[in-house]
Amino acid sequence: MMRGGGMGNMQNMMKQMQKMQKKMAEAQEQLGEEKIEGSSGGGMVTVVITGHKEVVDVQIKPEAVDPDDVEMLQDLVLAAVNDALKKAEDLTNNTMGQFTKGLNLPF
């Protein structure tokens, strides 16, 4: 049985959690608006993704296109995409990390 004040604390905690969830949702939304650029081959291939890891732009310089070496171009595109994804991952961890600090929440 709970004595005086117990319920108040519980409601307080719920309010805190709701506030945090709202902030997390806002942060998630902002991430979606972020544009993160990855590149490879010294900028021969550039890929732009959002913070939600959605590819929104791919640019390939003409000198990266060699009909006799399509594999190189594929590798460059792959490397640029992975570069962008890694940066997006870091950004997500930094942005969302502020909410999980001190909380042992499984994500």
Protein backbone atom coordinates (compact mmCIF):
# COMPACT_ATOMS: atom_id res chain seq x y z
CA MET A 1 0.00 0.00 0.00
CA MET A 2 1.25 3.46 -0.88
CA ARG A 3 1.18 6.23 1.63
CA GLY A 4 0.92 9.95 0.95
CA GLY A 5 2.67 11.37 -2.09
CA GLY A 6 3.34 8.07 -3.82
CA MET A 7 0.78 8.66 -6.57
CA GLY A 8 1.96 12.21 -7.14
CA ASN A 9 5.48 10.96 -7.85
CA MET A 10 4.14 8.43 -10.32
CA GLN A 11 2.14 11.09 -12.19
CA ASN A 12 5.16 13.34 -12.16
CA MET A 13 7.28 10.63 -13.71
CA MET A 14 4.65 9.99 -16.36
CA LYS A 15 4.59 13.69 -17.21
CA GLN A 16 8.39 13.70 -17.50
CA MET A 17 8.27 10.69 -19.80
CA GLN A 18 5.62 12.29 -22.00
CA LYS A 19 7.68 15.47 -22.19
CA MET A 20 10.72 13.46 -23.17
CA GLN A 21 8.81 11.45 -25.77
CA LYS A 22 7.62 14.69 -27.33
CA LYS A 23 11.20 16.02 -27.45
CA MET A 24 12.41 12.74 -28.92
CA ALA A 25 9.73 12.87 -31.60
CA GLU A 26 10.76 16.44 -32.45
CA ALA A 27 14.41 15.42 -32.62
CA GLN A 28 13.49 12.49 -34.89
CA GLU A 29 11.60 14.89 -37.14
CA GLN A 30 14.58 17.25 -37.31
CA LEU A 31 16.81 14.33 -38.23
CA GLY A 32 14.52 13.67 -41.18
CA GLU A 33 15.16 17.19 -42.42
CA GLU A 34 18.94 16.91 -42.10
CA LYS A 35 20.88 16.44 -45.33
CA ILE A 36 24.01 14.35 -44.94
CA GLU A 37 26.54 14.08 -47.73
CA GLY A 38 28.79 11.12 -48.38
CA SER A 39 31.37 10.97 -51.13
CA SER A 40 34.05 8.76 -52.59
CA GLY A 41 36.78 8.88 -55.19
CA GLY A 42 37.75 12.37 -54.10
CA GLY A 43 34.25 13.67 -54.77
CA MET A 44 33.70 11.79 -58.04
CA VAL A 45 30.57 10.27 -56.53
CA THR A 46 28.42 12.17 -54.04
CA VAL A 47 25.37 10.81 -52.25
CA VAL A 48 23.00 12.88 -50.13
CA ILE A 49 20.73 11.21 -47.59
CA THR A 50 18.38 12.44 -44.89
CA GLY A 51 18.81 11.75 -41.19
CA HIS A 52 16.20 9.03 -41.71
CA LYS A 53 18.66 7.31 -44.06
CA GLU A 54 16.69 8.02 -47.19
CA VAL A 55 18.79 8.68 -50.30
CA VAL A 56 17.68 11.97 -51.87
CA ASP A 57 20.48 12.70 -54.33
CA VAL A 58 23.23 10.89 -56.21
CA GLN A 59 25.76 12.79 -58.29
CA ILE A 60 28.33 11.11 -60.49
CA LYS A 61 31.00 13.11 -62.28
CA PRO A 62 31.52 12.11 -65.93
CA GLU A 63 35.14 11.10 -65.27
CA ALA A 64 33.89 8.42 -62.87
CA VAL A 65 32.05 6.73 -65.72
CA ASP A 66 34.25 4.26 -67.55
CA PRO A 67 32.31 1.81 -69.75
CA ASP A 68 35.24 -0.62 -69.47
CA ASP A 69 35.27 -0.45 -65.68
CA VAL A 70 31.69 -0.44 -64.45
CA GLU A 71 32.81 -2.20 -61.27
CA MET A 72 34.86 0.82 -60.21
CA LEU A 73 31.79 3.04 -60.52
CA GLN A 74 29.72 0.55 -58.52
CA ASP A 75 32.38 0.52 -55.82
CA LEU A 76 32.46 4.33 -55.75
CA VAL A 77 28.67 4.54 -55.40
CA LEU A 78 28.74 1.90 -52.66
CA ALA A 79 31.52 3.73 -50.81
CA ALA A 80 29.70 7.08 -51.07
CA VAL A 81 26.44 5.58 -49.79
CA ASN A 82 28.21 3.88 -46.88
CA ASP A 83 30.05 7.12 -46.07
CA ALA A 84 26.74 8.99 -45.91
CA LEU A 85 25.11 6.22 -43.85
CA LYS A 86 27.97 6.26 -41.35
CA LYS A 87 27.66 10.04 -40.95
CA ALA A 88 23.88 9.74 -40.56
CA GLU A 89 24.38 7.04 -37.93
CA ASP A 90 26.78 9.28 -35.98
CA LEU A 91 24.35 12.19 -36.23
CA THR A 92 21.48 10.01 -35.02
CA ASN A 93 23.52 8.71 -32.09
CA ASN A 94 24.55 12.23 -31.11
CA THR A 95 21.03 13.60 -31.48
CA MET A 96 19.16 10.78 -29.78
CA GLY A 97 21.95 10.00 -27.34
CA GLN A 98 21.06 13.02 -25.23
CA PHE A 99 17.73 11.34 -24.41
CA THR A 100 19.12 7.95 -23.53
CA LYS A 101 21.93 9.25 -21.32
CA GLY A 102 21.27 8.08 -17.79
CA LEU A 103 18.33 5.97 -18.93
CA ASN A 104 18.85 2.28 -19.46
CA LEU A 105 16.28 1.96 -22.20
CA PRO A 106 16.73 -0.77 -24.77
CA PHE A 107 16.48 0.57 -28.31
